[in-house]
Every structure is written in structure tokens, then in C-alpha cells.
Amino acid sequence: MSEDLLSHKLQVLHEDVGEMKSVLKDLTAAITKLALIEERQTQAAAAQERAFQALERVEQRVSALEAYVPANKRVSVWLDRATWGAIGLLCMFVAKKTGLA
């Protein structure tokens, strides 16, 4: 009887080791998938960081351009006044030449 009991216990132990091997294979696959996900997240984080840096550079450029807006408005007003003045002088010249003035 003791041989039958030992044989049975050995068989149960063998089945348990087989199950453990199967579980270890599943764990290995899960860890591999986890490592791939972690790598992808690292790449996504790096891409996001590059995007934020690019956005920061764009914001700096926009700020620099916005600093020139008041100067551009002044130049625009000056050019408008100069244009109207030139048009007025032209009208006076034409009026004198045609004898209207």
C-alpha cells in the first residue's frame, strides 16, 4: 500500500509541477507584454515631451511677434497718413494744372 500511496503522491506532484510550468509560461507572456507596453509608454512620453517643447518654442515666437504689434500699428497709421497726404498733394497738383484752383 505504501508503494501505491507513494506512486499516487508522485503522480499528483508531477501534475502540480506541470501546472506550475504552464502558469510560469503564462506569467512569462504577461511580463513580456507588460515590457512592451512600458516601452510604448516611454516612447509616447518622449514624444509628448518633444511636442511640449515645440509648443513652448511656438509660444515664444508668438510672444515676440505680439511685442511688435504696437510698432506695426504705429507704422500703419503713419503710412495711412502719408498716403492720404500724397493723395491730397496729387489732387492739388491736378487742380492747379487743370485750372480748378
Protein backbone atom coordinates (compact mmCIF):
# COMPACT_ATOMS: atom_id res chain seq x y z
CA MET A 1 0.00 0.00 0.00
CA SER A 2 2.77 2.33 0.76
CA GLU A 3 4.07 1.99 -2.84
CA ASP A 4 0.63 2.84 -4.20
CA LEU A 5 0.43 5.85 -1.92
CA LEU A 6 3.90 7.00 -2.92
CA SER A 7 3.10 6.43 -6.56
CA HIS A 8 -0.13 8.42 -6.23
CA LYS A 9 1.61 11.28 -4.39
CA LEU A 10 4.35 11.29 -7.00
CA GLN A 11 1.73 11.45 -9.76
CA VAL A 12 -0.05 14.36 -8.02
CA LEU A 13 3.29 16.12 -7.56
CA HIS A 14 4.08 15.59 -11.23
CA GLU A 15 0.70 17.11 -12.21
CA ASP A 16 1.33 20.07 -9.89
CA VAL A 17 4.75 20.69 -11.46
CA GLY A 18 3.13 20.56 -14.92
CA GLU A 19 0.54 23.13 -13.84
CA MET A 20 3.30 25.31 -12.39
CA LYS A 21 5.16 25.18 -15.70
CA SER A 22 2.01 26.21 -17.53
CA VAL A 23 1.42 29.08 -15.14
CA LEU A 24 5.04 30.18 -15.49
CA LYS A 25 4.63 30.27 -19.28
CA ASP A 26 1.55 32.46 -18.87
CA LEU A 27 3.43 34.73 -16.45
CA THR A 28 6.34 34.99 -18.89
CA ALA A 29 3.95 36.01 -21.69
CA ALA A 30 2.27 38.57 -19.42
CA ILE A 31 5.61 40.06 -18.35
CA THR A 32 6.70 40.29 -21.98
CA LYS A 33 3.50 42.13 -22.86
CA LEU A 34 3.96 44.42 -19.89
CA ALA A 35 7.50 45.24 -21.01
CA LEU A 36 6.21 46.11 -24.50
CA ILE A 37 3.52 48.35 -23.03
CA GLU A 38 6.09 50.06 -20.82
CA GLU A 39 8.35 50.69 -23.83
CA ARG A 40 5.46 52.17 -25.79
CA GLN A 41 4.53 54.41 -22.87
CA THR A 42 8.13 55.57 -22.62
CA GLN A 43 8.14 56.41 -26.33
CA ALA A 44 4.79 58.20 -26.02
CA ALA A 45 6.08 60.21 -23.05
CA ALA A 46 9.19 61.21 -25.01
CA ALA A 47 7.05 62.24 -28.00
CA GLN A 48 4.79 64.24 -25.72
CA GLU A 49 7.79 65.99 -24.19
CA ARG A 50 9.07 66.90 -27.66
CA ALA A 51 5.62 68.25 -28.54
CA PHE A 52 5.55 70.38 -25.40
CA GLN A 53 8.99 71.76 -26.19
CA ALA A 54 7.90 72.61 -29.73
CA LEU A 55 4.78 74.27 -28.36
CA GLU A 56 6.89 76.30 -25.96
CA ARG A 57 9.09 77.49 -28.85
CA VAL A 58 5.98 78.48 -30.83
CA GLU A 59 4.62 80.37 -27.82
CA GLN A 60 7.91 82.25 -27.53
CA ARG A 61 7.78 83.17 -31.21
CA VAL A 62 4.17 84.34 -30.91
CA SER A 63 5.09 86.43 -27.86
CA ALA A 64 7.94 88.03 -29.79
CA LEU A 65 5.63 88.81 -32.70
CA GLU A 66 2.99 90.20 -30.39
CA ALA A 67 5.60 92.56 -28.94
CA TYR A 68 5.97 94.11 -32.41
CA VAL A 69 2.22 94.65 -32.92
CA PRO A 70 2.11 98.15 -31.36
CA ALA A 71 5.05 99.24 -33.50
CA ASN A 72 3.37 97.79 -36.58
CA LYS A 73 0.18 99.68 -35.76
CA ARG A 74 2.11 102.94 -35.45
CA VAL A 75 3.81 102.35 -38.78
CA SER A 76 0.46 101.50 -40.32
CA VAL A 77 -1.07 104.76 -39.05
CA TRP A 78 1.95 106.69 -40.31
CA LEU A 79 1.69 105.06 -43.74
CA ASP A 80 -2.06 105.78 -43.90
CA ARG A 81 -1.47 109.45 -43.12
CA ALA A 82 1.38 109.67 -45.64
CA THR A 83 -0.80 108.05 -48.31
CA TRP A 84 -3.67 110.47 -47.69
CA GLY A 85 -1.22 113.38 -47.69
CA ALA A 86 0.21 112.24 -51.03
CA ILE A 87 -3.31 111.87 -52.44
CA GLY A 88 -4.14 115.40 -51.24
CA LEU A 89 -0.98 116.81 -52.84
CA LEU A 90 -1.78 114.99 -56.07
CA CYS A 91 -5.31 116.40 -56.09
CA MET A 92 -3.99 119.92 -55.51
CA PHE A 93 -1.46 119.49 -58.33
CA VAL A 94 -4.13 118.22 -60.74
CA ALA A 95 -6.47 121.04 -59.70
CA LYS A 96 -3.78 123.69 -60.38
CA LYS A 97 -2.87 122.17 -63.73
CA THR A 98 -6.47 121.99 -64.86
CA GLY A 99 -7.25 125.46 -63.57
CA LEU A 100 -9.75 124.43 -60.93
CA ALA A 101 -7.85 126.06 -58.14
